[in-house]
Amino acid sequence: MKKEYRELKPDEVISVSMSEFFNGLKTFTAKESVSALHNALLEKGLGEYSSWWSSKGIVCKVLTPGKNWQEGKVKLSLVFCSDEVEPDTPTAESETSGEAIKYPLDEIRRSLNTSDETP
């Protein structure tokens, strides 16, 4: 199963095991971590790079192999990927929602049932 990464929202809370990671704190919000990184860049004299962390990003061009240059914006963000594996089987919610659930072996079962019924 493919791992899914998603961008953290500013109010989501992060907890890490390394206490030295964020000013001695183990728990902080995504917004606090971005702010701390911004301040660290300013302290190191790298304030011009802080716009990479803004919600607006910075103007750029991107060249994707096989395509032309595309103009747009790029930004850095915090992303999260859960270690929990989501089941491939349908959930009770999808079963009770009235949606028709397709199982991979249904077509084979139907063809076997049809061949059993013919004389």
Protein backbone atom coordinates (compact mmCIF):
# COMPACT_ATOMS: atom_id res chain seq x y z
CA MET A 1 0.00 0.00 0.00
CA LYS A 2 1.28 3.46 -0.93
CA LYS A 3 2.13 5.84 1.90
CA GLU A 4 0.08 9.02 1.82
CA TYR A 5 1.62 12.30 2.93
CA ARG A 6 -0.50 15.30 3.82
CA GLU A 7 0.37 18.86 4.73
CA LEU A 8 -0.14 19.63 8.41
CA LYS A 9 -2.60 22.39 9.29
CA PRO A 10 -1.25 25.20 11.50
CA ASP A 11 -3.25 24.12 14.58
CA GLU A 12 -2.28 20.43 14.45
CA VAL A 13 -0.12 19.32 17.38
CA ILE A 14 3.20 17.53 16.87
CA SER A 15 4.91 15.44 19.54
CA VAL A 16 8.52 14.28 19.09
CA SER A 17 10.79 12.11 21.21
CA MET A 18 13.81 14.41 20.87
CA SER A 19 13.46 17.14 23.49
CA GLU A 20 16.27 19.20 21.95
CA PHE A 21 14.42 19.43 18.65
CA PHE A 22 12.27 22.48 19.43
CA ASN A 23 13.62 24.73 22.15
CA GLY A 24 13.47 21.86 24.64
CA LEU A 25 9.80 21.17 23.93
CA LYS A 26 8.46 17.80 22.86
CA THR A 27 4.96 19.00 21.92
CA PHE A 28 4.11 21.99 19.71
CA THR A 29 1.81 23.04 16.89
CA ALA A 30 2.76 23.05 13.22
CA LYS A 31 2.45 26.84 13.27
CA GLU A 32 4.87 27.08 16.20
CA SER A 33 7.42 24.89 14.42
CA VAL A 34 7.25 26.98 11.23
CA SER A 35 7.62 30.13 13.34
CA ALA A 36 10.65 28.66 15.12
CA LEU A 37 12.27 27.73 11.80
CA HIS A 38 11.58 31.24 10.51
CA ASN A 39 13.20 32.75 13.62
CA ALA A 40 16.18 30.40 13.32
CA LEU A 41 16.74 31.57 9.75
CA LEU A 42 16.60 35.20 10.92
CA GLU A 43 19.07 34.51 13.77
CA LYS A 44 21.51 32.91 11.34
CA GLY A 45 21.30 35.90 9.01
CA LEU A 46 19.31 33.94 6.45
CA GLY A 47 16.12 35.99 6.69
CA GLU A 48 15.81 36.20 2.92
CA TYR A 49 14.97 32.46 2.94
CA SER A 50 12.10 32.83 5.40
CA SER A 51 9.64 33.54 2.58
CA TRP A 52 9.98 29.87 1.58
CA TRP A 53 7.94 29.04 4.70
CA SER A 54 5.18 31.57 4.11
CA SER A 55 1.78 30.38 2.96
CA LYS A 56 2.32 32.34 -0.26
CA GLY A 57 5.63 30.71 -1.19
CA ILE A 58 8.08 32.22 -3.65
CA VAL A 59 7.79 32.75 -7.40
CA CYS A 60 9.64 30.14 -9.43
CA LYS A 61 9.78 28.04 -12.57
CA VAL A 62 9.71 24.24 -12.52
CA LEU A 63 10.94 21.94 -15.28
CA THR A 64 9.39 18.48 -15.23
CA PRO A 65 11.05 15.87 -17.48
CA GLY A 66 9.17 15.62 -20.77
CA LYS A 67 7.32 18.92 -20.21
CA ASN A 68 7.95 22.64 -20.67
CA TRP A 69 8.87 25.08 -17.93
CA GLN A 70 5.90 25.99 -15.71
CA GLU A 71 5.72 29.24 -13.78
CA GLY A 72 4.24 29.20 -10.31
CA LYS A 73 5.21 29.24 -6.66
CA VAL A 74 7.07 26.87 -4.37
CA LYS A 75 6.95 26.71 -0.60
CA LEU A 76 8.25 24.53 2.17
CA SER A 77 5.76 22.89 4.49
CA LEU A 78 5.48 20.25 7.18
CA VAL A 79 3.98 17.00 5.96
CA PHE A 80 2.84 13.94 7.89
CA CYS A 81 2.65 10.27 6.95
CA SER A 82 0.88 7.89 9.31
CA ASP A 83 2.53 4.58 10.26
CA GLU A 84 -0.92 3.02 10.58
CA VAL A 85 -1.89 0.80 7.69
CA GLU A 86 -5.36 1.42 6.33
CA PRO A 87 -7.20 -1.77 5.48
CA ASP A 88 -7.95 -2.57 1.85
CA THR A 89 -11.28 -4.08 2.86
CA PRO A 90 -14.44 -1.96 2.83
CA THR A 91 -15.36 -0.29 6.09
CA ALA A 92 -18.67 -0.66 7.87
CA GLU A 93 -19.36 2.96 6.95
CA SER A 94 -19.17 2.24 3.21
CA GLU A 95 -21.30 -0.87 3.64
CA THR A 96 -24.07 1.02 5.45
CA SER A 97 -23.98 4.05 3.15
CA GLY A 98 -25.83 2.14 0.44
CA GLU A 99 -22.89 2.27 -1.96
CA ALA A 100 -22.36 -0.78 -4.12
CA ILE A 101 -19.09 -2.36 -3.04
CA LYS A 102 -17.08 -4.16 -5.69
CA TYR A 103 -14.88 -6.99 -4.54
CA PRO A 104 -12.09 -8.20 -6.86
CA LEU A 105 -13.37 -11.79 -7.00
CA ASP A 106 -17.04 -10.95 -7.61
CA GLU A 107 -16.72 -11.24 -11.39
CA ILE A 108 -15.08 -14.68 -11.10
CA ARG A 109 -17.76 -15.86 -8.68
CA ARG A 110 -20.49 -14.70 -11.05
CA SER A 111 -18.93 -16.50 -14.00
CA LEU A 112 -18.51 -19.71 -11.94
CA ASN A 113 -22.13 -19.53 -10.74
CA THR A 114 -23.32 -19.01 -14.30
CA SER A 115 -21.31 -21.96 -15.61
CA ASP A 116 -22.63 -24.20 -12.77
CA GLU A 117 -26.22 -23.37 -13.69
CA THR A 118 -25.89 -24.27 -17.39
CA PRO A 119 -26.59 -27.96 -18.22
